[in-house]
Amino acid sequence: MAWKEICPLEDIPKLGARVVRTTDKEIGIFRTEDDSVFALNNLCPHKKGPLSQGIVHDNKVTCPLHNWKINLETGQAEEPDEGETSCFSTKVEDGIVLLDV
């Protein structure tokens, strides 16, 4: 795995997100209430809404465009909606968020 340092955990607000841009995509880094960190392709599988601008709750993010709920662990849309977005591995070491690129 190729881990890339993203930022201190405290730079991502609880129930918030931060965007990381690579050469070909945007990745949303999400922090839950219990300080779990997840990374998803920043595009909702429905109409490509920016997931990083959505509302984080439990282990989900709600897309700001049409309220689709996306599971942060799996990238799957919650029923009755269907679809998924890519997930990326993350970890926190010594208070620093790392992303597997």
Protein backbone atom coordinates (compact mmCIF):
# COMPACT_ATOMS: atom_id res chain seq x y z
CA MET A 1 0.00 0.00 0.00
CA ALA A 2 1.12 3.55 -0.71
CA TRP A 3 -0.05 5.67 2.24
CA LYS A 4 -0.20 9.43 1.75
CA GLU A 5 -0.37 11.85 4.65
CA ILE A 6 -3.49 13.99 4.30
CA CYS A 7 -3.86 16.19 7.39
CA PRO A 8 -4.18 16.12 11.16
CA LEU A 9 -7.44 14.48 12.24
CA GLU A 10 -8.44 17.72 13.97
CA ASP A 11 -8.41 19.53 10.58
CA ILE A 12 -11.52 17.56 9.59
CA PRO A 13 -14.51 18.66 11.68
CA LYS A 14 -16.55 15.97 13.41
CA LEU A 15 -19.42 15.03 11.09
CA GLY A 16 -17.60 16.85 8.31
CA ALA A 17 -15.39 16.23 5.30
CA ARG A 18 -12.35 17.39 3.41
CA VAL A 19 -11.56 16.94 -0.30
CA VAL A 20 -8.32 15.49 -1.66
CA ARG A 21 -7.65 15.92 -5.38
CA THR A 22 -5.58 13.44 -7.35
CA THR A 23 -4.69 13.71 -11.02
CA ASP A 24 -7.92 12.01 -12.08
CA LYS A 25 -10.45 12.27 -9.22
CA GLU A 26 -11.66 13.95 -6.07
CA ILE A 27 -11.79 11.90 -2.88
CA GLY A 28 -13.94 12.92 0.07
CA ILE A 29 -12.41 12.21 3.49
CA PHE A 30 -15.17 11.95 6.11
CA ARG A 31 -14.97 12.06 9.92
CA THR A 32 -17.75 10.62 12.04
CA GLU A 33 -18.82 11.58 15.56
CA ASP A 34 -16.65 8.81 17.04
CA ASP A 35 -13.58 9.95 15.04
CA SER A 36 -13.73 7.15 12.48
CA VAL A 37 -12.36 8.27 9.11
CA PHE A 38 -13.58 7.06 5.71
CA ALA A 39 -12.74 7.96 2.12
CA LEU A 40 -15.06 7.78 -0.89
CA ASN A 41 -15.02 8.95 -4.48
CA ASN A 42 -16.53 12.42 -4.05
CA LEU A 43 -19.30 11.73 -6.60
CA CYS A 44 -22.72 10.39 -5.65
CA PRO A 45 -23.66 7.39 -7.83
CA HIS A 46 -27.01 9.03 -8.63
CA LYS A 47 -26.35 12.41 -10.28
CA LYS A 48 -22.67 12.92 -9.37
CA GLY A 49 -23.41 15.28 -6.46
CA PRO A 50 -20.42 16.32 -4.30
CA LEU A 51 -20.65 13.96 -1.34
CA SER A 52 -18.15 16.03 0.67
CA GLN A 53 -20.78 18.77 0.84
CA GLY A 54 -23.37 16.37 2.29
CA ILE A 55 -24.43 15.71 5.86
CA VAL A 56 -22.43 13.07 7.76
CA HIS A 57 -24.46 11.02 10.25
CA ASP A 58 -23.73 7.67 11.84
CA ASN A 59 -21.58 5.90 9.21
CA LYS A 60 -23.34 7.54 6.26
CA VAL A 61 -23.27 10.70 4.21
CA THR A 62 -26.40 12.19 2.65
CA CYS A 63 -25.85 13.65 -0.82
CA PRO A 64 -26.67 17.37 -0.93
CA LEU A 65 -28.48 17.11 -4.29
CA HIS A 66 -31.17 14.46 -3.84
CA ASN A 67 -30.73 13.12 -0.29
CA TRP A 68 -29.34 9.72 -1.24
CA LYS A 69 -27.70 8.10 1.78
CA ILE A 70 -24.31 6.51 1.04
CA ASN A 71 -22.69 4.09 3.48
CA LEU A 72 -19.20 5.38 4.33
CA GLU A 73 -17.84 1.87 4.93
CA THR A 74 -19.05 0.28 1.68
CA GLY A 75 -19.90 3.14 -0.69
CA GLN A 76 -23.33 1.53 -1.23
CA ALA A 77 -26.49 3.60 -1.56
CA GLU A 78 -29.10 2.87 1.09
CA GLU A 79 -32.32 1.19 -0.10
CA PRO A 80 -34.55 1.90 -1.91
CA ASP A 81 -31.82 3.66 -3.91
CA GLU A 82 -29.25 1.59 -5.78
CA GLY A 83 -25.66 2.19 -6.78
CA GLU A 84 -22.27 2.62 -5.23
CA THR A 85 -19.17 4.77 -5.28
CA SER A 86 -15.55 3.74 -4.79
CA CYS A 87 -14.07 3.45 -1.30
CA PHE A 88 -10.44 4.03 -0.31
CA SER A 89 -8.57 2.79 2.74
CA THR A 90 -7.72 5.24 5.51
CA LYS A 91 -6.02 5.09 8.86
CA VAL A 92 -5.07 7.50 11.62
CA GLU A 93 -1.57 7.28 13.09
CA ASP A 94 -0.36 9.68 15.76
CA GLY A 95 -3.31 11.97 15.01
CA ILE A 96 -2.54 12.15 11.26
CA VAL A 97 -5.01 10.93 8.62
CA LEU A 98 -3.44 8.69 5.97
CA LEU A 99 -5.02 7.66 2.67
CA ASP A 100 -4.05 4.62 0.61
CA VAL A 101 -3.45 5.97 -2.88
